[in-house]
Amino acid sequence: MLASQDVLSSRLEQIGFIDDPVDTKLDLYEEIERLKREKNAVLLAHYYQEPAIQDVADFIGDSLGLSRQAAATEAEIIVFAGVHFMAETAKILNPQKKVLLPDLNAGCSLADTCPADEFQAFCDAHSDHLVMSYINCSAAVKARSDIICTSTNAEHLLRMIPESQPVIFAPDRNLGRWLERKIGRKLVIWDGVCIVHETFSERKLLALKVQFPEAQVLAHPECEEAVLRHADFVGSTSGIRRYAREDAGQSFIIATEEGILHQMRKDSPHKHFIPAPPESGCNCSQCPHMRLNTLEKLYTCMRYELPEITMEESIRLRALKPIERMIEMSKGVS
């Protein structure tokens, strides 16, 4: 689990961090590159990070791509610009390496909807079911699972499980329901949601389609069914990026966290990308947890090698098996 905030604050104070704020004159891009070289560190960043962090990362990807990179890296330090279930996954795969997270509070609303003790009781009530858990969950939930999946490989993995085998799917209900519709198979679904993807508005999406009739709608399967029914393409973050890059269309409405638009605009600067609107007037298409990471926190994290991800070895070993199973069964899936 993550080190406590009190322990972290004490450690930072001991090494003088409290009295040593980031020098505003520093070129943080240059400093981060220097620290990567000096410390043999690799920086992994999710598509939902702010553009400045994406631009300094060694690898940018979705959950499946980042898991593969974490498993393959030879770096001594893994710096994970994402949220803590992602950094936990890297630690599960690399117990001998130091795994750092720029902001200790960068959690996940979806993971939070699935407490490990309640999930254990849920699984016990369906003891004959195979447990497939979306990677957006805690290490403790992974440890109770039989196989982990991402939005990239969930359909592929589910189709590999015999139809005679009943399956629990957790924690995202929207992804689970989309899989049910796509495959035509009934699942026992945990009732969890992502605060970003559940806020996209069908009403406002339809208004955008009237305003931009030529625009295709590309949506993540964590979105509500009311949004997905209007999508021209439903897929993972990397799938959405690839579709927009390869399709002949010139205009796209994107129903996922808007951080992905940075790479999409770099891929296709001549194309028009429109973030799907939330129901409220807030900037809800940005994940507040992902955006806790900043370039300054990233620099500080690498400089002091804190906060560091740690966990009980018994949990790590149990969580490792379903992740390794996912990686092995997902060979050839991109």
C-alpha atoms as a PDB file:
ATOM      1  CA  MET A   1       0.000   0.000   0.000  1.00  0.00           C
ATOM      2  CA  LEU A   2       1.043   3.607  -0.190  1.00  0.00           C
ATOM      3  CA  ALA A   3       3.122   5.139   2.554  1.00  0.00           C
ATOM      4  CA  SER A   4       1.081   7.321   4.900  1.00  0.00           C
ATOM      5  CA  GLN A   5       1.022  11.079   4.375  1.00  0.00           C
ATOM      6  CA  ASP A   6       2.416  11.626   7.884  1.00  0.00           C
ATOM      7  CA  VAL A   7       5.380   9.325   7.251  1.00  0.00           C
ATOM      8  CA  LEU A   8       6.012  10.996   3.914  1.00  0.00           C
ATOM      9  CA  SER A   9       5.847  14.503   5.391  1.00  0.00           C
ATOM     10  CA  SER A  10       8.270  13.511   8.148  1.00  0.00           C
ATOM     11  CA  ARG A  11      10.720  12.064   5.645  1.00  0.00           C
ATOM     12  CA  LEU A  12      10.534  15.122   3.394  1.00  0.00           C
ATOM     13  CA  GLU A  13      11.148  17.396   6.352  1.00  0.00           C
ATOM     14  CA  GLN A  14      14.185  15.326   7.383  1.00  0.00           C
ATOM     15  CA  ILE A  15      15.821  15.763   3.994  1.00  0.00           C
ATOM     16  CA  GLY A  16      15.091  19.476   3.857  1.00  0.00           C
ATOM     17  CA  PHE A  17      12.322  19.411   1.265  1.00  0.00           C
ATOM     18  CA  ILE A  18       9.978  21.614   3.301  1.00  0.00           C
ATOM     19  CA  ASP A  19      12.478  24.473   3.141  1.00  0.00           C
ATOM     20  CA  ASP A  20      13.531  23.762  -0.430  1.00  0.00           C
ATOM     21  CA  PRO A  21      10.741  24.670  -2.865  1.00  0.00           C
ATOM     22  CA  VAL A  22      11.247  24.268  -6.593  1.00  0.00           C
ATOM     23  CA  ASP A  23      13.374  27.052  -8.050  1.00  0.00           C
ATOM     24  CA  THR A  24      11.192  28.872 -10.584  1.00  0.00           C
ATOM     25  CA  LYS A  25      14.269  29.568 -12.730  1.00  0.00           C
ATOM     26  CA  LEU A  26      14.911  25.881 -13.361  1.00  0.00           C
ATOM     27  CA  ASP A  27      14.238  24.375 -16.753  1.00  0.00           C
ATOM     28  CA  LEU A  28      12.180  21.485 -15.418  1.00  0.00           C
ATOM     29  CA  TYR A  29      12.258  19.558 -18.697  1.00  0.00           C
ATOM     30  CA  GLU A  30      16.058  19.665 -18.668  1.00  0.00           C
ATOM     31  CA  GLU A  31      16.260  18.798 -14.961  1.00  0.00           C
ATOM     32  CA  ILE A  32      13.911  15.825 -15.302  1.00  0.00           C
ATOM     33  CA  GLU A  33      15.922  14.500 -18.256  1.00  0.00           C
ATOM     34  CA  ARG A  34      19.115  14.904 -16.214  1.00  0.00           C
ATOM     35  CA  LEU A  35      17.625  13.034 -13.251  1.00  0.00           C
ATOM     36  CA  LYS A  36      16.448  10.216 -15.511  1.00  0.00           C
ATOM     37  CA  ARG A  37      19.988   9.758 -16.804  1.00  0.00           C
ATOM     38  CA  GLU A  38      21.689  10.050 -13.421  1.00  0.00           C
ATOM     39  CA  LYS A  39      19.297   7.726 -11.600  1.00  0.00           C
ATOM     40  CA  ASN A  40      18.665   5.250 -14.418  1.00  0.00           C
ATOM     41  CA  ALA A  41      14.983   6.088 -14.173  1.00  0.00           C
ATOM     42  CA  VAL A  42      12.171   5.614 -16.678  1.00  0.00           C
ATOM     43  CA  LEU A  43       9.140   7.896 -16.747  1.00  0.00           C
ATOM     44  CA  LEU A  44       5.834   6.264 -17.677  1.00  0.00           C
ATOM     45  CA  ALA A  45       2.858   8.565 -18.257  1.00  0.00           C
ATOM     46  CA  HIS A  46      -0.791   7.852 -18.892  1.00  0.00           C
ATOM     47  CA  TYR A  47      -2.641   9.590 -21.723  1.00  0.00           C
ATOM     48  CA  TYR A  48      -4.705  11.438 -19.110  1.00  0.00           C
ATOM     49  CA  GLN A  49      -1.740  13.380 -17.730  1.00  0.00           C
ATOM     50  CA  GLU A  50      -1.312  17.063 -18.501  1.00  0.00           C
ATOM     51  CA  PRO A  51       0.484  17.788 -21.809  1.00  0.00           C
ATOM     52  CA  ALA A  52       3.671  19.021 -20.107  1.00  0.00           C
ATOM     53  CA  ILE A  53       4.158  15.655 -18.407  1.00  0.00           C
ATOM     54  CA  GLN A  54       3.344  13.710 -21.567  1.00  0.00           C
ATOM     55  CA  ASP A  55       6.012  15.690 -23.412  1.00  0.00           C
ATOM     56  CA  VAL A  56       8.785  14.664 -21.005  1.00  0.00           C
ATOM     57  CA  ALA A  57       7.737  11.008 -20.605  1.00  0.00           C
ATOM     58  CA  ASP A  58       9.717   8.075 -21.995  1.00  0.00           C
ATOM     59  CA  PHE A  59       6.539   6.180 -22.732  1.00  0.00           C
ATOM     60  CA  ILE A  60       2.930   7.369 -23.004  1.00  0.00           C
ATOM     61  CA  GLY A  61       0.114   4.854 -23.103  1.00  0.00           C
ATOM     62  CA  ASP A  62      -3.029   3.311 -21.733  1.00  0.00           C
ATOM     63  CA  SER A  63      -3.204   0.757 -18.938  1.00  0.00           C
ATOM     64  CA  LEU A  64      -2.247  -2.257 -21.050  1.00  0.00           C
ATOM     65  CA  GLY A  65       0.670  -0.506 -22.738  1.00  0.00           C
ATOM     66  CA  LEU A  66       1.942   0.866 -19.439  1.00  0.00           C
ATOM     67  CA  SER A  67       1.712  -2.574 -17.805  1.00  0.00           C
ATOM     68  CA  ARG A  68       3.797  -4.057 -20.598  1.00  0.00           C
ATOM     69  CA  GLN A  69       6.372  -1.295 -20.309  1.00  0.00           C
ATOM     70  CA  ALA A  70       6.561  -1.709 -16.533  1.00  0.00           C
ATOM     71  CA  ALA A  71       7.098  -5.447 -16.940  1.00  0.00           C
ATOM     72  CA  ALA A  72       9.846  -4.996 -19.545  1.00  0.00           C
ATOM     73  CA  THR A  73      11.858  -2.062 -18.217  1.00  0.00           C
ATOM     74  CA  GLU A  74      15.481  -2.443 -17.153  1.00  0.00           C
ATOM     75  CA  ALA A  75      15.532   0.908 -15.355  1.00  0.00           C
ATOM     76  CA  GLU A  76      16.327   0.914 -11.641  1.00  0.00           C
ATOM     77  CA  ILE A  77      13.623   3.475 -10.842  1.00  0.00           C
ATOM     78  CA  ILE A  78      10.122   3.626 -12.328  1.00  0.00           C
ATOM     79  CA  VAL A  79       8.442   7.008 -12.060  1.00  0.00           C
ATOM     80  CA  PHE A  80       4.742   6.630 -12.758  1.00  0.00           C
ATOM     81  CA  ALA A  81       2.893   9.746 -13.850  1.00  0.00           C
ATOM     82  CA  GLY A  82      -0.593   8.417 -13.347  1.00  0.00           C
ATOM     83  CA  VAL A  83      -2.672   7.298 -10.375  1.00  0.00           C
ATOM     84  CA  HIS A  84      -1.744   4.930  -7.582  1.00  0.00           C
ATOM     85  CA  PHE A  85      -3.343   1.736  -8.895  1.00  0.00           C
ATOM     86  CA  MET A  86      -1.047   2.135 -11.925  1.00  0.00           C
ATOM     87  CA  ALA A  87       2.026   2.649  -9.745  1.00  0.00           C
ATOM     88  CA  GLU A  88       0.955  -0.338  -7.635  1.00  0.00           C
ATOM     89  CA  THR A  89       0.782  -2.463 -10.779  1.00  0.00           C
ATOM     90  CA  ALA A  90       4.336  -1.422 -11.668  1.00  0.00           C
ATOM     91  CA  LYS A  91       5.503  -2.380  -8.167  1.00  0.00           C
ATOM     92  CA  ILE A  92       3.725  -5.737  -8.355  1.00  0.00           C
ATOM     93  CA  LEU A  93       5.643  -6.474 -11.550  1.00  0.00           C
ATOM     94  CA  ASN A  94       8.959  -5.033 -10.261  1.00  0.00           C
ATOM     95  CA  PRO A  95       9.417  -5.839  -6.561  1.00  0.00           C
ATOM     96  CA  GLN A  96      13.168  -5.102  -6.632  1.00  0.00           C
ATOM     97  CA  LYS A  97      12.790  -1.702  -8.297  1.00  0.00           C
ATOM     98  CA  LYS A  98      11.907   1.597  -6.695  1.00  0.00           C
ATOM     99  CA  VAL A  99       8.500   2.822  -7.942  1.00  0.00           C
ATOM    100  CA  LEU A 100       7.637   6.476  -7.422  1.00  0.00           C
ATOM    101  CA  LEU A 101       4.371   8.429  -7.715  1.00  0.00           C
ATOM    102  CA  PRO A 102       4.567  12.242  -7.984  1.00  0.00           C
ATOM    103  CA  ASP A 103       1.489  12.881  -5.809  1.00  0.00           C
ATOM    104  CA  LEU A 104       0.500  10.480  -3.051  1.00  0.00           C
ATOM    105  CA  ASN A 105      -3.126  11.594  -3.261  1.00  0.00           C
ATOM    106  CA  ALA A 106      -3.538  10.696  -6.938  1.00  0.00           C
ATOM    107  CA  GLY A 107      -6.134   8.008  -6.442  1.00  0.00           C
ATOM    108  CA  CYS A 108      -8.935   6.701  -8.666  1.00  0.00           C
ATOM    109  CA  SER A 109     -12.668   7.190  -8.193  1.00  0.00           C
ATOM    110  CA  LEU A 110     -13.380   3.830  -9.836  1.00  0.00           C
ATOM    111  CA  ALA A 111     -10.930   1.940  -7.625  1.00  0.00           C
ATOM    112  CA  ASP A 112     -12.432   3.678  -4.598  1.00  0.00           C
ATOM    113  CA  THR A 113     -15.880   2.262  -5.412  1.00  0.00           C
ATOM    114  CA  CYS A 114     -14.558  -1.264  -4.806  1.00  0.00           C
ATOM    115  CA  PRO A 115     -13.243  -1.668  -1.232  1.00  0.00           C
ATOM    116  CA  ALA A 116     -11.299  -4.907  -0.864  1.00  0.00           C
ATOM    117  CA  ASP A 117     -13.260  -6.244   2.126  1.00  0.00           C
ATOM    118  CA  GLU A 118     -16.635  -5.700   0.454  1.00  0.00           C
ATOM    119  CA  PHE A 119     -15.322  -7.206  -2.769  1.00  0.00           C
ATOM    120  CA  GLN A 120     -14.111 -10.277  -0.892  1.00  0.00           C
ATOM    121  CA  ALA A 121     -17.598 -10.797   0.551  1.00  0.00           C
ATOM    122  CA  PHE A 122     -19.141 -10.304  -2.905  1.00  0.00           C
ATOM    123  CA  CYS A 123     -16.835 -12.928  -4.403  1.00  0.00           C
ATOM    124  CA  ASP A 124     -17.495 -15.328  -1.526  1.00  0.00           C
ATOM    125  CA  ALA A 125     -21.215 -15.057  -2.297  1.00  0.00           C
ATOM    126  CA  HIS A 126     -20.452 -16.205  -5.873  1.00  0.00           C
ATOM    127  CA  SER A 127     -17.752 -18.739  -5.057  1.00  0.00           C
ATOM    128  CA  ASP A 128     -18.199 -20.707  -8.298  1.00  0.00           C
ATOM    129  CA  HIS A 129     -17.485 -17.611 -10.431  1.00  0.00           C
ATOM    130  CA  LEU A 130     -14.200 -16.734 -12.085  1.00  0.00           C
ATOM    131  CA  VAL A 131     -13.238 -13.182 -11.100  1.00  0.00           C
ATOM    132  CA  MET A 132     -12.201 -10.813 -13.895  1.00  0.00           C
ATOM    133  CA  SER A 133     -11.174  -7.403 -12.590  1.00  0.00           C
ATOM    134  CA  TYR A 134     -10.533  -4.283 -14.604  1.00  0.00           C
ATOM    135  CA  ILE A 135      -7.034  -2.983 -13.912  1.00  0.00           C
ATOM    136  CA  ASN A 136      -8.528   0.168 -12.341  1.00  0.00           C
ATOM    137  CA  CYS A 137      -8.614  -1.400  -8.883  1.00  0.00           C
ATOM    138  CA  SER A 138      -6.411  -1.712  -5.816  1.00  0.00           C
ATOM    139  CA  ALA A 139      -3.687  -4.299  -5.343  1.00  0.00           C
ATOM    140  CA  ALA A 140      -5.870  -6.006  -2.732  1.00  0.00           C
ATOM    141  CA  VAL A 141      -8.715  -6.404  -5.237  1.00  0.00           C
ATOM    142  CA  LYS A 142      -6.275  -7.678  -7.856  1.00  0.00           C
ATOM    143  CA  ALA A 143      -5.083 -10.217  -5.281  1.00  0.00           C
ATOM    144  CA  ARG A 144      -8.640 -11.594  -5.029  1.00  0.00           C
ATOM    145  CA  SER A 145      -9.012 -11.803  -8.822  1.00  0.00           C
ATOM    146  CA  ASP A 146      -8.371 -14.661 -11.242  1.00  0.00           C
ATOM    147  CA  ILE A 147      -7.478 -12.459 -14.196  1.00  0.00           C
ATOM    148  CA  ILE A 148      -6.959  -8.740 -14.750  1.00  0.00           C
ATOM    149  CA  CYS A 149      -8.074  -6.951 -17.904  1.00  0.00           C
ATOM    150  CA  THR A 150      -7.923  -3.504 -19.471  1.00  0.00           C
ATOM    151  CA  SER A 151     -10.380  -1.829 -21.809  1.00  0.00           C
ATOM    152  CA  THR A 152      -8.037  -2.844 -24.643  1.00  0.00           C
ATOM    153  CA  ASN A 153      -8.117  -6.579 -23.963  1.00  0.00           C
ATOM    154  CA  ALA A 154     -11.304  -7.181 -21.914  1.00  0.00           C
ATOM    155  CA  GLU A 155     -13.332  -8.501 -24.839  1.00  0.00           C
ATOM    156  CA  HIS A 156     -10.450 -10.670 -26.071  1.00  0.00           C
ATOM    157  CA  LEU A 157      -9.909 -12.214 -22.634  1.00  0.00           C
ATOM    158  CA  LEU A 158     -13.595 -12.778 -21.933  1.00  0.00           C
ATOM    159  CA  ARG A 159     -14.022 -14.631 -25.203  1.00  0.00           C
ATOM    160  CA  MET A 160     -11.223 -16.990 -24.111  1.00  0.00           C
ATOM    161  CA  ILE A 161     -13.180 -18.043 -21.001  1.00  0.00           C
ATOM    162  CA  PRO A 162     -15.600 -20.957 -21.631  1.00  0.00           C
ATOM    163  CA  GLU A 163     -19.228 -19.840 -21.685  1.00  0.00           C
ATOM    164  CA  SER A 164     -20.029 -22.535 -19.150  1.00  0.00           C
ATOM    165  CA  GLN A 165     -17.842 -20.702 -16.596  1.00  0.00           C
ATOM    166  CA  PRO A 166     -19.779 -17.970 -14.741  1.00  0.00           C
ATOM    167  CA  VAL A 167     -17.839 -14.710 -14.415  1.00  0.00           C
ATOM    168  CA  ILE A 168     -17.786 -11.809 -11.980  1.00  0.00           C
ATOM    169  CA  PHE A 169     -16.720  -8.557 -13.653  1.00  0.00           C
ATOM    170  CA  ALA A 170     -15.488  -5.674 -11.510  1.00  0.00           C
ATOM    171  CA  PRO A 171     -15.363  -2.845 -10.747  1.00  0.00           C
ATOM    172  CA  ASP A 172     -16.739  -0.780 -13.696  1.00  0.00           C
ATOM    173  CA  ARG A 173     -20.412  -1.467 -14.396  1.00  0.00           C
ATOM    174  CA  ASN A 174     -20.427   0.423 -17.698  1.00  0.00           C
ATOM    175  CA  LEU A 175     -17.527  -1.568 -19.125  1.00  0.00           C
ATOM    176  CA  GLY A 176     -19.155  -4.752 -17.826  1.00  0.00           C
ATOM    177  CA  ARG A 177     -22.503  -3.934 -19.443  1.00  0.00           C
ATOM    178  CA  TRP A 178     -20.807  -3.006 -22.714  1.00  0.00           C
ATOM    179  CA  LEU A 179     -19.073  -6.395 -22.709  1.00  0.00           C
ATOM    180  CA  GLU A 180     -22.400  -8.114 -22.091  1.00  0.00           C
ATOM    181  CA  ARG A 181     -23.943  -6.361 -25.095  1.00  0.00           C
ATOM    182  CA  LYS A 182     -20.884  -6.910 -27.303  1.00  0.00           C
ATOM    183  CA  ILE A 183     -20.472 -10.605 -26.570  1.00  0.00           C
ATOM    184  CA  GLY A 184     -24.006 -11.585 -25.638  1.00  0.00           C
ATOM    185  CA  ARG A 185     -22.948 -13.119 -22.346  1.00  0.00           C
ATOM    186  CA  LYS A 186     -24.368 -12.499 -18.887  1.00  0.00           C
ATOM    187  CA  LEU A 187     -21.938 -11.355 -16.216  1.00  0.00           C
ATOM    188  CA  VAL A 188     -22.251 -10.701 -12.494  1.00  0.00           C
ATOM    189  CA  ILE A 189     -21.180  -7.051 -12.392  1.00  0.00           C
ATOM    190  CA  TRP A 190     -19.852  -4.995  -9.491  1.00  0.00           C
ATOM    191  CA  ASP A 191     -21.565  -1.591  -9.281  1.00  0.00           C
ATOM    192  CA  GLY A 192     -18.646   0.831  -9.729  1.00  0.00           C
ATOM    193  CA  VAL A 193     -18.196   3.877 -11.972  1.00  0.00           C
ATOM    194  CA  CYS A 194     -15.591   6.423 -13.098  1.00  0.00           C
ATOM    195  CA  ILE A 195     -16.511   9.998 -12.169  1.00  0.00           C
ATOM    196  CA  VAL A 196     -15.219  11.295 -15.508  1.00  0.00           C
ATOM    197  CA  HIS A 197     -16.883   8.878 -17.910  1.00  0.00           C
ATOM    198  CA  GLU A 198     -20.260   8.779 -16.178  1.00  0.00           C
ATOM    199  CA  THR A 199     -20.703  12.569 -16.497  1.00  0.00           C
ATOM    200  CA  PHE A 200     -20.778  12.818 -20.295  1.00  0.00           C
ATOM    201  CA  SER A 201     -24.153  14.172 -21.376  1.00  0.00           C
ATOM    202  CA  GLU A 202     -26.228  12.464 -24.060  1.00  0.00           C
ATOM    203  CA  ARG A 203     -28.264  15.657 -24.491  1.00  0.00           C
ATOM    204  CA  LYS A 204     -25.203  17.834 -25.064  1.00  0.00           C
ATOM    205  CA  LEU A 205     -23.574  15.176 -27.243  1.00  0.00           C
ATOM    206  CA  LEU A 206     -26.589  15.205 -29.564  1.00  0.00           C
ATOM    207  CA  ALA A 207     -26.406  19.006 -29.712  1.00  0.00           C
ATOM    208  CA  LEU A 208     -22.740  18.743 -30.730  1.00  0.00           C
ATOM    209  CA  LYS A 209     -23.630  16.236 -33.446  1.00  0.00           C
ATOM    210  CA  VAL A 210     -26.104  18.768 -34.855  1.00  0.00           C
ATOM    211  CA  GLN A 211     -23.425  21.478 -34.731  1.00  0.00           C
ATOM    212  CA  PHE A 212     -20.799  19.184 -36.299  1.00  0.00           C
ATOM    213  CA  PRO A 213     -22.783  16.698 -38.419  1.00  0.00           C
ATOM    214  CA  GLU A 214     -19.641  15.361 -40.095  1.00  0.00           C
ATOM    215  CA  ALA A 215     -17.937  14.522 -36.777  1.00  0.00           C
ATOM    216  CA  GLN A 216     -17.629  10.908 -35.669  1.00  0.00           C
ATOM    217  CA  VAL A 217     -18.116  10.083 -31.986  1.00  0.00           C
ATOM    218  CA  LEU A 218     -15.304   8.046 -30.404  1.00  0.00           C
ATOM    219  CA  ALA A 219     -16.119   6.818 -26.893  1.00  0.00           C
ATOM    220  CA  HIS A 220     -14.503   4.859 -24.099  1.00  0.00           C
ATOM    221  CA  PRO A 221     -16.547   1.861 -22.861  1.00  0.00           C
ATOM    222  CA  GLU A 222     -16.546   3.302 -19.334  1.00  0.00           C
ATOM    223  CA  CYS A 223     -19.156   5.788 -20.607  1.00  0.00           C
ATOM    224  CA  GLU A 224     -22.854   5.321 -19.872  1.00  0.00           C
ATOM    225  CA  GLU A 225     -24.889   3.317 -22.390  1.00  0.00           C
ATOM    226  CA  ALA A 226     -26.830   6.462 -23.355  1.00  0.00           C
ATOM    227  CA  VAL A 227     -23.585   7.935 -24.707  1.00  0.00           C
ATOM    228  CA  LEU A 228     -22.205   4.719 -26.189  1.00  0.00           C
ATOM    229  CA  ARG A 229     -25.296   4.185 -28.361  1.00  0.00           C
ATOM    230  CA  HIS A 230     -24.346   7.275 -30.374  1.00  0.00           C
ATOM    231  CA  ALA A 231     -20.689   6.288 -30.830  1.00  0.00           C
ATOM    232  CA  ASP A 232     -19.201   5.446 -34.210  1.00  0.00           C
ATOM    233  CA  PHE A 233     -16.350   3.698 -32.402  1.00  0.00           C
ATOM    234  CA  VAL A 234     -16.077   2.346 -28.849  1.00  0.00           C
ATOM    235  CA  GLY A 235     -12.647   1.386 -27.594  1.00  0.00           C
ATOM    236  CA  SER A 236      -9.768   1.902 -25.207  1.00  0.00           C
ATOM    237  CA  THR A 237      -7.824   5.133 -25.032  1.00  0.00           C
ATOM    238  CA  SER A 238      -5.139   3.755 -27.335  1.00  0.00           C
ATOM    239  CA  GLY A 239      -7.836   2.385 -29.642  1.00  0.00           C
ATOM    240  CA  ILE A 240      -9.503   5.789 -29.864  1.00  0.00           C
ATOM    241  CA  ARG A 241      -6.168   7.406 -30.682  1.00  0.00           C
ATOM    242  CA  ARG A 242      -5.383   4.822 -33.352  1.00  0.00           C
ATOM    243  CA  TYR A 243      -8.852   5.077 -34.942  1.00  0.00           C
ATOM    244  CA  ALA A 244      -8.627   8.866 -35.243  1.00  0.00           C
ATOM    245  CA  ARG A 245      -5.125   8.655 -36.699  1.00  0.00           C
ATOM    246  CA  GLU A 246      -5.955   6.007 -39.312  1.00  0.00           C
ATOM    247  CA  ASP A 247      -9.530   6.945 -40.273  1.00  0.00           C
ATOM    248  CA  ALA A 248     -10.129   9.228 -43.246  1.00  0.00           C
ATOM    249  CA  GLY A 249     -12.503  11.392 -41.215  1.00  0.00           C
ATOM    250  CA  GLN A 250     -11.461  14.931 -40.369  1.00  0.00           C
ATOM    251  CA  SER A 251     -13.604  15.685 -37.322  1.00  0.00           C
ATOM    252  CA  PHE A 252     -14.117  13.688 -34.124  1.00  0.00           C
ATOM    253  CA  ILE A 253     -16.009  14.129 -30.851  1.00  0.00           C
ATOM    254  CA  ILE A 254     -14.013  12.418 -28.101  1.00  0.00           C
ATOM    255  CA  ALA A 255     -15.852  10.923 -25.105  1.00  0.00           C
ATOM    256  CA  THR A 256     -13.025  10.144 -22.701  1.00  0.00           C
ATOM    257  CA  GLU A 257     -10.630  12.124 -20.494  1.00  0.00           C
ATOM    258  CA  GLU A 258      -9.450  15.028 -22.598  1.00  0.00           C
ATOM    259  CA  GLY A 259      -5.740  14.465 -21.903  1.00  0.00           C
ATOM    260  CA  ILE A 260      -5.718  12.090 -24.888  1.00  0.00           C
ATOM    261  CA  LEU A 261      -6.420  15.020 -27.216  1.00  0.00           C
ATOM    262  CA  HIS A 262      -2.818  16.213 -26.806  1.00  0.00           C
ATOM    263  CA  GLN A 263      -1.420  13.130 -28.547  1.00  0.00           C
ATOM    264  CA  MET A 264      -4.258  13.019 -31.079  1.00  0.00           C
ATOM    265  CA  ARG A 265      -3.551  16.591 -32.160  1.00  0.00           C
ATOM    266  CA  LYS A 266       0.153  15.770 -32.475  1.00  0.00           C
ATOM    267  CA  ASP A 267      -0.718  12.706 -34.562  1.00  0.00           C
ATOM    268  CA  SER A 268      -3.097  14.588 -36.861  1.00  0.00           C
ATOM    269  CA  PRO A 269      -2.680  18.376 -36.612  1.00  0.00           C
ATOM    270  CA  HIS A 270      -4.936  18.864 -39.625  1.00  0.00           C
ATOM    271  CA  LYS A 271      -7.899  17.119 -37.957  1.00  0.00           C
ATOM    272  CA  HIS A 272     -10.509  18.627 -35.625  1.00  0.00           C
ATOM    273  CA  PHE A 273     -10.936  17.076 -32.160  1.00  0.00           C
ATOM    274  CA  ILE A 274     -13.840  18.120 -29.928  1.00  0.00           C
ATOM    275  CA  PRO A 275     -14.073  17.014 -26.271  1.00  0.00           C
ATOM    276  CA  ALA A 276     -17.485  15.570 -25.410  1.00  0.00           C
ATOM    277  CA  PRO A 277     -19.342  17.776 -22.917  1.00  0.00           C
ATOM    278  CA  PRO A 278     -20.339  16.772 -19.373  1.00  0.00           C
ATOM    279  CA  GLU A 279     -23.891  17.372 -18.151  1.00  0.00           C
ATOM    280  CA  SER A 280     -22.808  20.180 -15.822  1.00  0.00           C
ATOM    281  CA  GLY A 281     -20.800  23.250 -16.716  1.00  0.00           C
ATOM    282  CA  CYS A 282     -17.735  21.975 -14.875  1.00  0.00           C
ATOM    283  CA  ASN A 283     -14.508  20.844 -16.506  1.00  0.00           C
ATOM    284  CA  CYS A 284     -15.484  17.259 -15.692  1.00  0.00           C
ATOM    285  CA  SER A 285     -13.761  15.672 -18.671  1.00  0.00           C
ATOM    286  CA  GLN A 286     -10.470  16.125 -16.794  1.00  0.00           C
ATOM    287  CA  CYS A 287      -9.765  13.520 -14.113  1.00  0.00           C
ATOM    288  CA  PRO A 288      -9.071  15.464 -10.883  1.00  0.00           C
ATOM    289  CA  HIS A 289      -6.877  12.624  -9.606  1.00  0.00           C
ATOM    290  CA  MET A 290      -4.714  12.410 -12.740  1.00  0.00           C
ATOM    291  CA  ARG A 291      -4.305  16.180 -12.734  1.00  0.00           C
ATOM    292  CA  LEU A 292      -2.841  16.223  -9.226  1.00  0.00           C
ATOM    293  CA  ASN A 293       0.474  15.372 -10.847  1.00  0.00           C
ATOM    294  CA  THR A 294       2.378  18.411 -12.099  1.00  0.00           C
ATOM    295  CA  LEU A 295       5.778  19.003 -13.655  1.00  0.00           C
ATOM    296  CA  GLU A 296       7.004  20.511 -10.351  1.00  0.00           C
ATOM    297  CA  LYS A 297       5.844  17.487  -8.348  1.00  0.00           C
ATOM    298  CA  LEU A 298       7.424  15.196 -10.907  1.00  0.00           C
ATOM    299  CA  TYR A 299      10.775  16.944 -10.551  1.00  0.00           C
ATOM    300  CA  THR A 300      10.596  16.868  -6.743  1.00  0.00           C
ATOM    301  CA  CYS A 301       9.575  13.215  -6.774  1.00  0.00           C
ATOM    302  CA  MET A 302      12.591  12.281  -8.894  1.00  0.00           C
ATOM    303  CA  ARG A 303      14.986  14.462  -6.944  1.00  0.00           C
ATOM    304  CA  TYR A 304      14.099  13.025  -3.522  1.00  0.00           C
ATOM    305  CA  GLU A 305      12.848   9.615  -4.746  1.00  0.00           C
ATOM    306  CA  LEU A 306       9.595  10.071  -2.844  1.00  0.00           C
ATOM    307  CA  PRO A 307       6.753   9.152  -2.515  1.00  0.00           C
ATOM    308  CA  GLU A 308       7.653   5.490  -2.973  1.00  0.00           C
ATOM    309  CA  ILE A 309       5.124   2.691  -3.484  1.00  0.00           C
ATOM    310  CA  THR A 310       5.363  -0.219  -1.056  1.00  0.00           C
ATOM    311  CA  MET A 311       3.071  -3.145  -0.301  1.00  0.00           C
ATOM    312  CA  GLU A 312       2.865  -6.376   1.630  1.00  0.00           C
ATOM    313  CA  GLU A 313       4.675  -9.181  -0.180  1.00  0.00           C
ATOM    314  CA  SER A 314       1.775 -11.590   0.327  1.00  0.00           C
ATOM    315  CA  ILE A 315      -0.600  -9.219  -1.472  1.00  0.00           C
ATOM    316  CA  ARG A 316       1.936  -8.535  -4.212  1.00  0.00           C
ATOM    317  CA  LEU A 317       2.413 -12.219  -4.943  1.00  0.00           C
ATOM    318  CA  ARG A 318      -1.330 -12.893  -5.096  1.00  0.00           C
ATOM    319  CA  ALA A 319      -1.898  -9.849  -7.314  1.00  0.00           C
ATOM    320  CA  LEU A 320       0.979 -10.812  -9.601  1.00  0.00           C
ATOM    321  CA  LYS A 321      -0.642 -14.022 -10.864  1.00  0.00           C
ATOM    322  CA  PRO A 322      -3.744 -12.463 -12.513  1.00  0.00           C
ATOM    323  CA  ILE A 323      -1.648  -9.658 -14.016  1.00  0.00           C
ATOM    324  CA  GLU A 324       0.843 -12.109 -15.508  1.00  0.00           C
ATOM    325  CA  ARG A 325      -2.092 -14.160 -16.797  1.00  0.00           C
ATOM    326  CA  MET A 326      -3.448 -11.049 -18.527  1.00  0.00           C
ATOM    327  CA  ILE A 327      -0.115 -10.192 -20.138  1.00  0.00           C
ATOM    328  CA  GLU A 328       0.381 -13.749 -21.377  1.00  0.00           C
ATOM    329  CA  MET A 329      -3.164 -14.075 -22.760  1.00  0.00           C
ATOM    330  CA  SER A 330      -2.997 -10.634 -24.383  1.00  0.00           C
ATOM    331  CA  LYS A 331      -0.020 -11.308 -26.628  1.00  0.00           C
ATOM    332  CA  GLY A 332      -0.881  -9.929 -30.058  1.00  0.00           C
ATOM    333  CA  VAL A 333      -3.540  -7.558 -28.659  1.00  0.00           C
ATOM    334  CA  SER A 334      -2.867  -3.847 -29.220  1.00  0.00           C
END
